[in-house]
Amino acid sequence: DMLDVEQVVFGGPLWSRLERTFLRVVPPLVQSGAVAREIHPVEV
């Protein structure tokens, strides 16, 4: 919301352990909560 970006990307040493949970939980929360969601999609 602050920067009006189109993508959220996760990575780093812990990512492989968290990937399954994050990709299930995070995308719908970000995509439904973003202020500009009706103007452009946000990929996670």
PDB file of all heavy atoms in Angstrom:
ATOM      1  N   ASP A   1       0.822  -1.213   0.000  1.00  0.00           N
ATOM      2  CA  ASP A   1       0.000   0.000   0.000  1.00  0.00           C
ATOM      3  C   ASP A   1       0.859   1.267   0.000  1.00  0.00           C
ATOM      4  O   ASP A   1       0.542   2.251  -0.671  1.00  0.00           O
ATOM      5  CB  ASP A   1      -0.919   0.016   1.229  1.00  0.00           C
ATOM      6  CG  ASP A   1      -2.051  -0.990   1.127  1.00  0.00           C
ATOM      7  OD1 ASP A   1      -2.297  -1.492   0.012  1.00  0.00           O
ATOM      8  OD2 ASP A   1      -2.676  -1.272   2.162  1.00  0.00           O
ATOM      9  N   MET A   2       1.947   1.256   0.744  1.00  0.00           N
ATOM     10  CA  MET A   2       2.795   2.435   0.834  1.00  0.00           C
ATOM     11  C   MET A   2       3.486   2.742  -0.496  1.00  0.00           C
ATOM     12  O   MET A   2       3.576   3.897  -0.919  1.00  0.00           O
ATOM     13  CB  MET A   2       3.857   2.233   1.923  1.00  0.00           C
ATOM     14  CG  MET A   2       4.788   3.429   2.117  1.00  0.00           C
ATOM     15  SD  MET A   2       6.112   3.057   3.289  1.00  0.00           S
ATOM     16  CE  MET A   2       5.159   2.681   4.763  1.00  0.00           C
ATOM     17  N   LEU A   3       3.961   1.686  -1.173  1.00  0.00           N
ATOM     18  CA  LEU A   3       4.782   1.865  -2.366  1.00  0.00           C
ATOM     19  C   LEU A   3       4.028   1.586  -3.663  1.00  0.00           C
ATOM     20  O   LEU A   3       4.557   1.866  -4.745  1.00  0.00           O
ATOM     21  CB  LEU A   3       6.005   0.949  -2.283  1.00  0.00           C
ATOM     22  CG  LEU A   3       6.915   1.184  -1.066  1.00  0.00           C
ATOM     23  CD1 LEU A   3       7.944   0.076  -0.959  1.00  0.00           C
ATOM     24  CD2 LEU A   3       7.586   2.543  -1.145  1.00  0.00           C
ATOM     25  N   ASP A   4       2.839   0.994  -3.573  1.00  0.00           N
ATOM     26  CA  ASP A   4       2.020   0.668  -4.749  1.00  0.00           C
ATOM     27  C   ASP A   4       2.783  -0.244  -5.710  1.00  0.00           C
ATOM     28  O   ASP A   4       2.932   0.048  -6.892  1.00  0.00           O
ATOM     29  CB  ASP A   4       1.568   1.940  -5.464  1.00  0.00           C
ATOM     30  CG  ASP A   4       0.455   1.670  -6.480  1.00  0.00           C
ATOM     31  OD1 ASP A   4      -0.209   0.627  -6.354  1.00  0.00           O
ATOM     32  OD2 ASP A   4       0.290   2.479  -7.401  1.00  0.00           O
ATOM     33  N   VAL A   5       3.279  -1.367  -5.188  1.00  0.00           N
ATOM     34  CA  VAL A   5       4.051  -2.300  -6.003  1.00  0.00           C
ATOM     35  C   VAL A   5       3.156  -3.428  -6.498  1.00  0.00           C
ATOM     36  O   VAL A   5       2.052  -3.648  -5.984  1.00  0.00           O
ATOM     37  CB  VAL A   5       5.247  -2.885  -5.228  1.00  0.00           C
ATOM     38  CG1 VAL A   5       6.175  -1.767  -4.775  1.00  0.00           C
ATOM     39  CG2 VAL A   5       4.795  -3.709  -4.028  1.00  0.00           C
ATOM     40  N   GLU A   6       3.681  -4.170  -7.486  1.00  0.00           N
ATOM     41  CA  GLU A   6       2.900  -5.231  -8.127  1.00  0.00           C
ATOM     42  C   GLU A   6       3.289  -6.630  -7.680  1.00  0.00           C
ATOM     43  O   GLU A   6       2.577  -7.585  -7.962  1.00  0.00           O
ATOM     44  CB  GLU A   6       3.094  -5.155  -9.648  1.00  0.00           C
ATOM     45  CG  GLU A   6       2.735  -3.819 -10.242  1.00  0.00           C
ATOM     46  CD  GLU A   6       3.829  -3.257 -11.140  1.00  0.00           C
ATOM     47  OE1 GLU A   6       5.018  -3.504 -10.853  1.00  0.00           O
ATOM     48  OE2 GLU A   6       3.488  -2.585 -12.119  1.00  0.00           O
ATOM     49  N   GLN A   7       4.438  -6.754  -6.998  1.00  0.00           N
ATOM     50  CA  GLN A   7       4.896  -8.084  -6.597  1.00  0.00           C
ATOM     51  C   GLN A   7       5.419  -8.076  -5.165  1.00  0.00           C
ATOM     52  O   GLN A   7       6.017  -7.091  -4.723  1.00  0.00           O
ATOM     53  CB  GLN A   7       6.039  -8.567  -7.506  1.00  0.00           C
ATOM     54  CG  GLN A   7       5.655  -8.845  -8.937  1.00  0.00           C
ATOM     55  CD  GLN A   7       6.828  -9.434  -9.708  1.00  0.00           C
ATOM     56  OE1 GLN A   7       7.424 -10.428  -9.300  1.00  0.00           O
ATOM     57  NE2 GLN A   7       7.168  -8.821 -10.826  1.00  0.00           N
ATOM     58  N   VAL A   8       5.198  -9.191  -4.481  1.00  0.00           N
ATOM     59  CA  VAL A   8       5.846  -9.476  -3.197  1.00  0.00           C
ATOM     60  C   VAL A   8       6.612 -10.777  -3.393  1.00  0.00           C
ATOM     61  O   VAL A   8       6.029 -11.795  -3.792  1.00  0.00           O
ATOM     62  CB  VAL A   8       4.827  -9.625  -2.057  1.00  0.00           C
ATOM     63  CG1 VAL A   8       5.530 -10.050  -0.766  1.00  0.00           C
ATOM     64  CG2 VAL A   8       4.060  -8.320  -1.850  1.00  0.00           C
ATOM     65  N   VAL A   9       7.923 -10.732  -3.134  1.00  0.00           N
ATOM     66  CA  VAL A   9       8.787 -11.890  -3.373  1.00  0.00           C
ATOM     67  C   VAL A   9       9.464 -12.272  -2.059  1.00  0.00           C
ATOM     68  O   VAL A   9       9.951 -11.404  -1.329  1.00  0.00           O
ATOM     69  CB  VAL A   9       9.856 -11.568  -4.435  1.00  0.00           C
ATOM     70  CG1 VAL A   9      10.685 -12.810  -4.752  1.00  0.00           C
ATOM     71  CG2 VAL A   9       9.206 -11.019  -5.707  1.00  0.00           C
ATOM     72  N   PHE A  10       9.499 -13.569  -1.765  1.00  0.00           N
ATOM     73  CA  PHE A  10      10.162 -14.066  -0.567  1.00  0.00           C
ATOM     74  C   PHE A  10      11.389 -14.884  -0.954  1.00  0.00           C
ATOM     75  O   PHE A  10      11.380 -15.611  -1.956  1.00  0.00           O
ATOM     76  CB  PHE A  10       9.220 -14.947   0.255  1.00  0.00           C
ATOM     77  CG  PHE A  10       8.109 -14.200   0.927  1.00  0.00           C
ATOM     78  CD1 PHE A  10       6.841 -14.150   0.364  1.00  0.00           C
ATOM     79  CD2 PHE A  10       8.323 -13.532   2.127  1.00  0.00           C
ATOM     80  CE1 PHE A  10       5.806 -13.456   0.973  1.00  0.00           C
ATOM     81  CE2 PHE A  10       7.303 -12.836   2.745  1.00  0.00           C
ATOM     82  CZ  PHE A  10       6.040 -12.796   2.171  1.00  0.00           C
ATOM     83  N   GLY A  11      12.442 -14.784  -0.146  1.00  0.00           N
ATOM     84  CA  GLY A  11      13.640 -15.575  -0.377  1.00  0.00           C
ATOM     85  C   GLY A  11      14.552 -15.512   0.832  1.00  0.00           C
ATOM     86  O   GLY A  11      14.205 -14.947   1.873  1.00  0.00           O
ATOM     87  N   GLY A  12      15.721 -16.100   0.699  1.00  0.00           N
ATOM     88  CA  GLY A  12      16.681 -16.124   1.798  1.00  0.00           C
ATOM     89  C   GLY A  12      16.836 -17.509   2.380  1.00  0.00           C
ATOM     90  O   GLY A  12      16.128 -18.458   1.999  1.00  0.00           O
ATOM     91  N   PRO A  13      17.761 -17.678   3.331  1.00  0.00           N
ATOM     92  CA  PRO A  13      18.087 -19.007   3.865  1.00  0.00           C
ATOM     93  C   PRO A  13      16.909 -19.751   4.495  1.00  0.00           C
ATOM     94  O   PRO A  13      16.882 -20.981   4.488  1.00  0.00           O
ATOM     95  CB  PRO A  13      19.163 -18.695   4.921  1.00  0.00           C
ATOM     96  CG  PRO A  13      19.758 -17.398   4.499  1.00  0.00           C
ATOM     97  CD  PRO A  13      18.643 -16.631   3.859  1.00  0.00           C
ATOM     98  N   LEU A  14      15.940 -19.033   5.070  1.00  0.00           N
ATOM     99  CA  LEU A  14      14.820 -19.705   5.735  1.00  0.00           C
ATOM    100  C   LEU A  14      13.657 -20.009   4.803  1.00  0.00           C
ATOM    101  O   LEU A  14      12.713 -20.707   5.192  1.00  0.00           O
ATOM    102  CB  LEU A  14      14.297 -18.845   6.894  1.00  0.00           C
ATOM    103  CG  LEU A  14      15.284 -18.446   7.989  1.00  0.00           C
ATOM    104  CD1 LEU A  14      14.538 -17.745   9.116  1.00  0.00           C
ATOM    105  CD2 LEU A  14      16.041 -19.654   8.522  1.00  0.00           C
ATOM    106  N   TRP A  15      13.715 -19.489   3.590  1.00  0.00           N
ATOM    107  CA  TRP A  15      12.544 -19.556   2.729  1.00  0.00           C
ATOM    108  C   TRP A  15      12.111 -20.988   2.413  1.00  0.00           C
ATOM    109  O   TRP A  15      10.907 -21.305   2.427  1.00  0.00           O
ATOM    110  CB  TRP A  15      12.785 -18.781   1.438  1.00  0.00           C
ATOM    111  CG  TRP A  15      11.693 -18.946   0.423  1.00  0.00           C
ATOM    112  CD1 TRP A  15      11.791 -19.440  -0.840  1.00  0.00           C
ATOM    113  CD2 TRP A  15      10.305 -18.618   0.601  1.00  0.00           C
ATOM    114  NE1 TRP A  15      10.571 -19.439  -1.462  1.00  0.00           N
ATOM    115  CE2 TRP A  15       9.640 -18.946  -0.598  1.00  0.00           C
ATOM    116  CE3 TRP A  15       9.568 -18.085   1.663  1.00  0.00           C
ATOM    117  CZ2 TRP A  15       8.277 -18.760  -0.766  1.00  0.00           C
ATOM    118  CZ3 TRP A  15       8.195 -17.907   1.495  1.00  0.00           C
ATOM    119  CH2 TRP A  15       7.569 -18.232   0.296  1.00  0.00           C
ATOM    120  N   SER A  16      13.038 -21.871   2.141  1.00  0.00           N
ATOM    121  CA  SER A  16      12.644 -23.229   1.747  1.00  0.00           C
ATOM    122  C   SER A  16      11.855 -23.921   2.851  1.00  0.00           C
ATOM    123  O   SER A  16      10.994 -24.768   2.576  1.00  0.00           O
ATOM    124  CB  SER A  16      13.880 -24.061   1.381  1.00  0.00           C
ATOM    125  OG  SER A  16      14.736 -24.222   2.495  1.00  0.00           O
ATOM    126  N   ARG A  17      12.123 -23.569   4.122  1.00  0.00           N
ATOM    127  CA  ARG A  17      11.392 -24.177   5.240  1.00  0.00           C
ATOM    128  C   ARG A  17       9.993 -23.581   5.398  1.00  0.00           C
ATOM    129  O   ARG A  17       9.072 -24.253   5.855  1.00  0.00           O
ATOM    130  CB  ARG A  17      12.173 -23.953   6.544  1.00  0.00           C
ATOM    131  CG  ARG A  17      13.594 -24.483   6.535  1.00  0.00           C
ATOM    132  CD  ARG A  17      13.635 -25.989   6.498  1.00  0.00           C
ATOM    133  NE  ARG A  17      14.996 -26.496   6.626  1.00  0.00           N
ATOM    134  CZ  ARG A  17      15.324 -27.776   6.482  1.00  0.00           C
ATOM    135  NH1 ARG A  17      14.387 -28.673   6.198  1.00  0.00           N
ATOM    136  NH2 ARG A  17      16.577 -28.166   6.602  1.00  0.00           N
ATOM    137  N   LEU A  18       9.853 -22.316   5.043  1.00  0.00           N
ATOM    138  CA  LEU A  18       8.596 -21.605   5.262  1.00  0.00           C
ATOM    139  C   LEU A  18       7.704 -21.568   4.030  1.00  0.00           C
ATOM    140  O   LEU A  18       6.541 -21.170   4.114  1.00  0.00           O
ATOM    141  CB  LEU A  18       8.893 -20.167   5.704  1.00  0.00           C
ATOM    142  CG  LEU A  18       9.682 -20.012   7.003  1.00  0.00           C
ATOM    143  CD1 LEU A  18      10.106 -18.562   7.195  1.00  0.00           C
ATOM    144  CD2 LEU A  18       8.862 -20.482   8.194  1.00  0.00           C
ATOM    145  N   GLU A  19       8.238 -21.985   2.898  1.00  0.00           N
ATOM    146  CA  GLU A  19       7.578 -21.784   1.616  1.00  0.00           C
ATOM    147  C   GLU A  19       6.161 -22.348   1.575  1.00  0.00           C
ATOM    148  O   GLU A  19       5.217 -21.676   1.136  1.00  0.00           O
ATOM    149  CB  GLU A  19       8.427 -22.401   0.502  1.00  0.00           C
ATOM    150  CG  GLU A  19       7.845 -22.247  -0.876  1.00  0.00           C
ATOM    151  CD  GLU A  19       8.775 -22.781  -1.957  1.00  0.00           C
ATOM    152  OE1 GLU A  19       9.813 -23.395  -1.615  1.00  0.00           O
ATOM    153  OE2 GLU A  19       8.467 -22.586  -3.146  1.00  0.00           O
ATOM    154  N   ARG A  20       5.988 -23.592   2.019  1.00  0.00           N
ATOM    155  CA  ARG A  20       4.684 -24.228   1.876  1.00  0.00           C
ATOM    156  C   ARG A  20       3.607 -23.467   2.642  1.00  0.00           C
ATOM    157  O   ARG A  20       2.526 -23.175   2.114  1.00  0.00           O
ATOM    158  CB  ARG A  20       4.755 -25.675   2.364  1.00  0.00           C
ATOM    159  CG  ARG A  20       3.447 -26.427   2.182  1.00  0.00           C
ATOM    160  CD  ARG A  20       3.562 -27.875   2.589  1.00  0.00           C
ATOM    161  NE  ARG A  20       4.527 -28.601   1.754  1.00  0.00           N
ATOM    162  CZ  ARG A  20       4.779 -29.895   1.864  1.00  0.00           C
ATOM    163  NH1 ARG A  20       4.127 -30.618   2.782  1.00  0.00           N
ATOM    164  NH2 ARG A  20       5.666 -30.482   1.093  1.00  0.00           N
ATOM    165  N   THR A  21       3.900 -23.103   3.888  1.00  0.00           N
ATOM    166  CA  THR A  21       2.919 -22.373   4.693  1.00  0.00           C
ATOM    167  C   THR A  21       2.688 -20.971   4.143  1.00  0.00           C
ATOM    168  O   THR A  21       1.547 -20.513   4.018  1.00  0.00           O
ATOM    169  CB  THR A  21       3.387 -22.282   6.154  1.00  0.00           C
ATOM    170  OG1 THR A  21       3.506 -23.594   6.695  1.00  0.00           O
ATOM    171  CG2 THR A  21       2.390 -21.483   6.991  1.00  0.00           C
ATOM    172  N   PHE A  22       3.763 -20.267   3.804  1.00  0.00           N
ATOM    173  CA  PHE A  22       3.635 -18.888   3.348  1.00  0.00           C
ATOM    174  C   PHE A  22       2.837 -18.786   2.055  1.00  0.00           C
ATOM    175  O   PHE A  22       1.993 -17.897   1.913  1.00  0.00           O
ATOM    176  CB  PHE A  22       5.026 -18.271   3.160  1.00  0.00           C
ATOM    177  CG  PHE A  22       5.583 -17.635   4.403  1.00  0.00           C
ATOM    178  CD1 PHE A  22       5.457 -18.255   5.626  1.00  0.00           C
ATOM    179  CD2 PHE A  22       6.239 -16.421   4.349  1.00  0.00           C
ATOM    180  CE1 PHE A  22       5.973 -17.679   6.784  1.00  0.00           C
ATOM    181  CE2 PHE A  22       6.741 -15.828   5.488  1.00  0.00           C
ATOM    182  CZ  PHE A  22       6.612 -16.459   6.716  1.00  0.00           C
ATOM    183  N   LEU A  23       3.103 -19.674   1.108  1.00  0.00           N
ATOM    184  CA  LEU A  23       2.407 -19.573  -0.175  1.00  0.00           C
ATOM    185  C   LEU A  23       0.942 -19.983  -0.074  1.00  0.00           C
ATOM    186  O   LEU A  23       0.145 -19.684  -0.966  1.00  0.00           O
ATOM    187  CB  LEU A  23       3.123 -20.398  -1.236  1.00  0.00           C
ATOM    188  CG  LEU A  23       4.485 -19.851  -1.669  1.00  0.00           C
ATOM    189  CD1 LEU A  23       5.054 -20.684  -2.808  1.00  0.00           C
ATOM    190  CD2 LEU A  23       4.404 -18.383  -2.074  1.00  0.00           C
ATOM    191  N   ARG A  24       0.582 -20.637   1.012  1.00  0.00           N
ATOM    192  CA  ARG A  24      -0.833 -20.940   1.259  1.00  0.00           C
ATOM    193  C   ARG A  24      -1.531 -19.784   1.979  1.00  0.00           C
ATOM    194  O   ARG A  24      -2.681 -19.453   1.676  1.00  0.00           O
ATOM    195  CB  ARG A  24      -0.943 -22.228   2.089  1.00  0.00           C
ATOM    196  CG  ARG A  24      -2.366 -22.573   2.523  1.00  0.00           C
ATOM    197  CD  ARG A  24      -2.441 -23.966   3.129  1.00  0.00           C
ATOM    198  NE  ARG A  24      -1.456 -24.165   4.185  1.00  0.00           N
ATOM    199  CZ  ARG A  24      -1.639 -23.807   5.455  1.00  0.00           C
ATOM    200  NH1 ARG A  24      -2.777 -23.198   5.808  1.00  0.00           N
ATOM    201  NH2 ARG A  24      -0.725 -24.043   6.361  1.00  0.00           N
ATOM    202  N   VAL A  25      -0.837 -19.145   2.909  1.00  0.00           N
ATOM    203  CA  VAL A  25      -1.473 -18.157   3.783  1.00  0.00           C
ATOM    204  C   VAL A  25      -1.332 -16.729   3.271  1.00  0.00           C
ATOM    205  O   VAL A  25      -2.287 -15.942   3.301  1.00  0.00           O
ATOM    206  CB  VAL A  25      -0.889 -18.257   5.216  1.00  0.00           C
ATOM    207  CG1 VAL A  25      -1.439 -17.147   6.107  1.00  0.00           C
ATOM    208  CG2 VAL A  25      -1.171 -19.622   5.803  1.00  0.00           C
ATOM    209  N   VAL A  26      -0.142 -16.361   2.787  1.00  0.00           N
ATOM    210  CA  VAL A  26       0.145 -14.947   2.502  1.00  0.00           C
ATOM    211  C   VAL A  26      -0.591 -14.403   1.275  1.00  0.00           C
ATOM    212  O   VAL A  26      -1.177 -13.313   1.340  1.00  0.00           O
ATOM    213  CB  VAL A  26       1.662 -14.717   2.380  1.00  0.00           C
ATOM    214  CG1 VAL A  26       1.953 -13.267   2.014  1.00  0.00           C
ATOM    215  CG2 VAL A  26       2.361 -15.083   3.690  1.00  0.00           C
ATOM    216  N   PRO A  27      -0.576 -15.096   0.105  1.00  0.00           N
ATOM    217  CA  PRO A  27      -1.169 -14.483  -1.087  1.00  0.00           C
ATOM    218  C   PRO A  27      -2.612 -14.004  -0.917  1.00  0.00           C
ATOM    219  O   PRO A  27      -2.916 -12.854  -1.270  1.00  0.00           O
ATOM    220  CB  PRO A  27      -1.038 -15.579  -2.149  1.00  0.00           C
ATOM    221  CG  PRO A  27       0.150 -16.370  -1.720  1.00  0.00           C
ATOM    222  CD  PRO A  27       0.076 -16.388  -0.227  1.00  0.00           C
ATOM    223  N   PRO A  28      -3.532 -14.821  -0.391  1.00  0.00           N
ATOM    224  CA  PRO A  28      -4.910 -14.311  -0.290  1.00  0.00           C
ATOM    225  C   PRO A  28      -5.045 -13.117   0.653  1.00  0.00           C
ATOM    226  O   PRO A  28      -5.877 -12.228   0.418  1.00  0.00           O
ATOM    227  CB  PRO A  28      -5.711 -15.520   0.219  1.00  0.00           C
ATOM    228  CG  PRO A  28      -4.708 -16.465   0.780  1.00  0.00           C
ATOM    229  CD  PRO A  28      -3.448 -16.241   0.028  1.00  0.00           C
ATOM    230  N   LEU A  29      -4.219 -13.076   1.714  1.00  0.00           N
ATOM    231  CA  LEU A  29      -4.301 -11.955   2.639  1.00  0.00           C
ATOM    232  C   LEU A  29      -3.803 -10.669   1.995  1.00  0.00           C
ATOM    233  O   LEU A  29      -4.417  -9.605   2.148  1.00  0.00           O
ATOM    234  CB  LEU A  29      -3.478 -12.258   3.901  1.00  0.00           C
ATOM    235  CG  LEU A  29      -4.022 -13.371   4.797  1.00  0.00           C
ATOM    236  CD1 LEU A  29      -3.061 -13.655   5.947  1.00  0.00           C
ATOM    237  CD2 LEU A  29      -5.396 -12.999   5.335  1.00  0.00           C
ATOM    238  N   VAL A  30      -2.701 -10.754   1.256  1.00  0.00           N
ATOM    239  CA  VAL A  30      -2.164  -9.560   0.594  1.00  0.00           C
ATOM    240  C   VAL A  30      -3.100  -9.119  -0.533  1.00  0.00           C
ATOM    241  O   VAL A  30      -3.421  -7.932  -0.680  1.00  0.00           O
ATOM    242  CB  VAL A  30      -0.750  -9.829   0.044  1.00  0.00           C
ATOM    243  CG1 VAL A  30      -0.263  -8.657  -0.801  1.00  0.00           C
ATOM    244  CG2 VAL A  30       0.227 -10.082   1.194  1.00  0.00           C
ATOM    245  N   GLN A  31      -3.550 -10.070  -1.317  1.00  0.00           N
ATOM    246  CA  GLN A  31      -4.371  -9.725  -2.485  1.00  0.00           C
ATOM    247  C   GLN A  31      -5.733  -9.183  -2.099  1.00  0.00           C
ATOM    248  O   GLN A  31      -6.310  -8.362  -2.817  1.00  0.00           O
ATOM    249  CB  GLN A  31      -4.499 -10.962  -3.384  1.00  0.00           C
ATOM    250  CG  GLN A  31      -3.189 -11.317  -4.079  1.00  0.00           C
ATOM    251  CD  GLN A  31      -3.097 -12.766  -4.526  1.00  0.00           C
ATOM    252  OE1 GLN A  31      -4.032 -13.540  -4.325  1.00  0.00           O
ATOM    253  NE2 GLN A  31      -1.978 -13.141  -5.125  1.00  0.00           N
ATOM    254  N   SER A  32      -6.268  -9.603  -0.955  1.00  0.00           N
ATOM    255  CA  SER A  32      -7.564  -9.079  -0.518  1.00  0.00           C
ATOM    256  C   SER A  32      -7.418  -7.792   0.283  1.00  0.00           C
ATOM    257  O   SER A  32      -8.380  -7.015   0.397  1.00  0.00           O
ATOM    258  CB  SER A  32      -8.307 -10.123   0.323  1.00  0.00           C
ATOM    259  OG  SER A  32      -7.588 -10.390   1.528  1.00  0.00           O
ATOM    260  N   GLY A  33      -6.229  -7.553   0.835  1.00  0.00           N
ATOM    261  CA  GLY A  33      -6.036  -6.385   1.692  1.00  0.00           C
ATOM    262  C   GLY A  33      -5.442  -5.182   1.006  1.00  0.00           C
ATOM    263  O   GLY A  33      -5.508  -4.064   1.531  1.00  0.00           O
ATOM    264  N   ALA A  34      -4.827  -5.348  -0.159  1.00  0.00           N
ATOM    265  CA  ALA A  34      -4.166  -4.235  -0.838  1.00  0.00           C
ATOM    266  C   ALA A  34      -5.185  -3.185  -1.271  1.00  0.00           C
ATOM    267  O   ALA A  34      -6.226  -3.511  -1.852  1.00  0.00           O
ATOM    268  CB  ALA A  34      -3.386  -4.744  -2.045  1.00  0.00           C
ATOM    269  N   VAL A  35      -4.887  -1.929  -1.007  1.00  0.00           N
ATOM    270  CA  VAL A  35      -5.794  -0.843  -1.331  1.00  0.00           C
ATOM    271  C   VAL A  35      -6.069  -0.761  -2.833  1.00  0.00           C
ATOM    272  O   VAL A  35      -7.194  -0.504  -3.273  1.00  0.00           O
ATOM    273  CB  VAL A  35      -5.225   0.501  -0.816  1.00  0.00           C
ATOM    274  CG1 VAL A  35      -6.021   1.681  -1.371  1.00  0.00           C
ATOM    275  CG2 VAL A  35      -5.242   0.526   0.705  1.00  0.00           C
ATOM    276  N   ALA A  36      -5.035  -0.991  -3.642  1.00  0.00           N
ATOM    277  CA  ALA A  36      -5.160  -0.838  -5.102  1.00  0.00           C
ATOM    278  C   ALA A  36      -5.539  -2.141  -5.805  1.00  0.00           C
ATOM    279  O   ALA A  36      -5.346  -2.276  -7.006  1.00  0.00           O
ATOM    280  CB  ALA A  36      -3.852  -0.296  -5.681  1.00  0.00           C
ATOM    281  N   ARG A  37      -6.108  -3.090  -5.064  1.00  0.00           N
ATOM    282  CA  ARG A  37      -6.387  -4.416  -5.647  1.00  0.00           C
ATOM    283  C   ARG A  37      -7.357  -4.366  -6.816  1.00  0.00           C
ATOM    284  O   ARG A  37      -7.322  -5.240  -7.685  1.00  0.00           O
ATOM    285  CB  ARG A  37      -6.916  -5.357  -4.565  1.00  0.00           C
ATOM    286  CG  ARG A  37      -8.223  -4.913  -3.943  1.00  0.00           C
ATOM    287  CD  ARG A  37      -8.622  -5.811  -2.776  1.00  0.00           C
ATOM    288  NE  ARG A  37      -9.837  -5.365  -2.110  1.00  0.00           N
ATOM    289  CZ  ARG A  37      -9.873  -4.438  -1.161  1.00  0.00           C
ATOM    290  NH1 ARG A  37      -8.747  -3.852  -0.779  1.00  0.00           N
ATOM    291  NH2 ARG A  37     -11.006  -4.085  -0.598  1.00  0.00           N
ATOM    292  N   GLU A  38      -8.239  -3.369  -6.854  1.00  0.00           N
ATOM    293  CA  GLU A  38      -9.183  -3.264  -7.966  1.00  0.00           C
ATOM    294  C   GLU A  38      -8.545  -2.645  -9.208  1.00  0.00           C
ATOM    295  O   GLU A  38      -9.136  -2.657 -10.291  1.00  0.00           O
ATOM    296  CB  GLU A  38     -10.398  -2.423  -7.552  1.00  0.00           C
ATOM    297  CG  GLU A  38     -11.185  -2.977  -6.373  1.00  0.00           C
ATOM    298  CD  GLU A  38     -11.819  -4.323  -6.697  1.00  0.00           C
ATOM    299  OE1 GLU A  38     -12.103  -4.559  -7.881  1.00  0.00           O
ATOM    300  OE2 GLU A  38     -12.019  -5.126  -5.763  1.00  0.00           O
ATOM    301  N   ILE A  39      -7.339  -2.098  -9.048  1.00  0.00           N
ATOM    302  CA  ILE A  39      -6.653  -1.428 -10.153  1.00  0.00           C
ATOM    303  C   ILE A  39      -5.595  -2.327 -10.768  1.00  0.00           C
ATOM    304  O   ILE A  39      -5.448  -2.398 -11.985  1.00  0.00           O
ATOM    305  CB  ILE A  39      -6.019  -0.100  -9.671  1.00  0.00           C
ATOM    306  CG1 ILE A  39      -7.112   0.797  -9.086  1.00  0.00           C
ATOM    307  CG2 ILE A  39      -5.283   0.608 -10.816  1.00  0.00           C
ATOM    308  CD1 ILE A  39      -6.577   2.004  -8.346  1.00  0.00           C
ATOM    309  N   HIS A  40      -4.849  -3.025  -9.940  1.00  0.00           N
ATOM    310  CA  HIS A  40      -3.852  -3.957 -10.470  1.00  0.00           C
ATOM    311  C   HIS A  40      -3.686  -5.122  -9.500  1.00  0.00           C
ATOM    312  O   HIS A  40      -3.827  -4.958  -8.284  1.00  0.00           O
ATOM    313  CB  HIS A  40      -2.500  -3.263 -10.715  1.00  0.00           C
ATOM    314  CG  HIS A  40      -1.811  -2.793  -9.459  1.00  0.00           C
ATOM    315  ND1 HIS A  40      -1.118  -3.641  -8.619  1.00  0.00           N
ATOM    316  CD2 HIS A  40      -1.706  -1.557  -8.916  1.00  0.00           C
ATOM    317  CE1 HIS A  40      -0.615  -2.947  -7.607  1.00  0.00           C
ATOM    318  NE2 HIS A  40      -0.961  -1.683  -7.756  1.00  0.00           N
ATOM    319  N   PRO A  41      -3.382  -6.312 -10.007  1.00  0.00           N
ATOM    320  CA  PRO A  41      -3.168  -7.464  -9.130  1.00  0.00           C
ATOM    321  C   PRO A  41      -1.826  -7.362  -8.413  1.00  0.00           C
ATOM    322  O   PRO A  41      -0.936  -6.627  -8.835  1.00  0.00           O
ATOM    323  CB  PRO A  41      -3.186  -8.655 -10.098  1.00  0.00           C
ATOM    324  CG  PRO A  41      -2.725  -8.074 -11.396  1.00  0.00           C
ATOM    325  CD  PRO A  41      -3.258  -6.662 -11.432  1.00  0.00           C
ATOM    326  N   VAL A  42      -1.701  -8.097  -7.338  1.00  0.00           N
ATOM    327  CA  VAL A  42      -0.434  -8.197  -6.614  1.00  0.00           C
ATOM    328  C   VAL A  42      -0.025  -9.668  -6.586  1.00  0.00           C
ATOM    329  O   VAL A  42      -0.734 -10.499  -6.019  1.00  0.00           O
ATOM    330  CB  VAL A  42      -0.547  -7.660  -5.173  1.00  0.00           C
ATOM    331  CG1 VAL A  42       0.792  -7.792  -4.457  1.00  0.00           C
ATOM    332  CG2 VAL A  42      -0.999  -6.206  -5.174  1.00  0.00           C
ATOM    333  N   GLU A  43       1.105  -9.971  -7.215  1.00  0.00           N
ATOM    334  CA  GLU A  43       1.616 -11.339  -7.242  1.00  0.00           C
ATOM    335  C   GLU A  43       2.455 -11.595  -5.994  1.00  0.00           C
ATOM    336  O   GLU A  43       3.281 -10.761  -5.620  1.00  0.00           O
ATOM    337  CB  GLU A  43       2.467 -11.553  -8.495  1.00  0.00           C
ATOM    338  CG  GLU A  43       3.048 -12.961  -8.596  1.00  0.00           C
ATOM    339  CD  GLU A  43       4.027 -13.133  -9.745  1.00  0.00           C
ATOM    340  OE1 GLU A  43       4.441 -12.109 -10.330  1.00  0.00           O
ATOM    341  OE2 GLU A  43       4.389 -14.287 -10.039  1.00  0.00           O
ATOM    342  N   VAL A  44       2.265 -12.733  -5.368  1.00  0.00           N
ATOM    343  CA  VAL A  44       3.068 -13.144  -4.215  1.00  0.00           C
ATOM    344  C   VAL A  44       3.733 -14.469  -4.565  1.00  0.00           C
ATOM    345  O   VAL A  44       3.043 -15.435  -4.905  1.00  0.00           O
ATOM    346  CB  VAL A  44       2.204 -13.302  -2.946  1.00  0.00           C
ATOM    347  CG1 VAL A  44       3.074 -13.728  -1.763  1.00  0.00           C
ATOM    348  CG2 VAL A  44       1.473 -12.001  -2.623  1.00  0.00           C
TER     349      VAL A  44
END
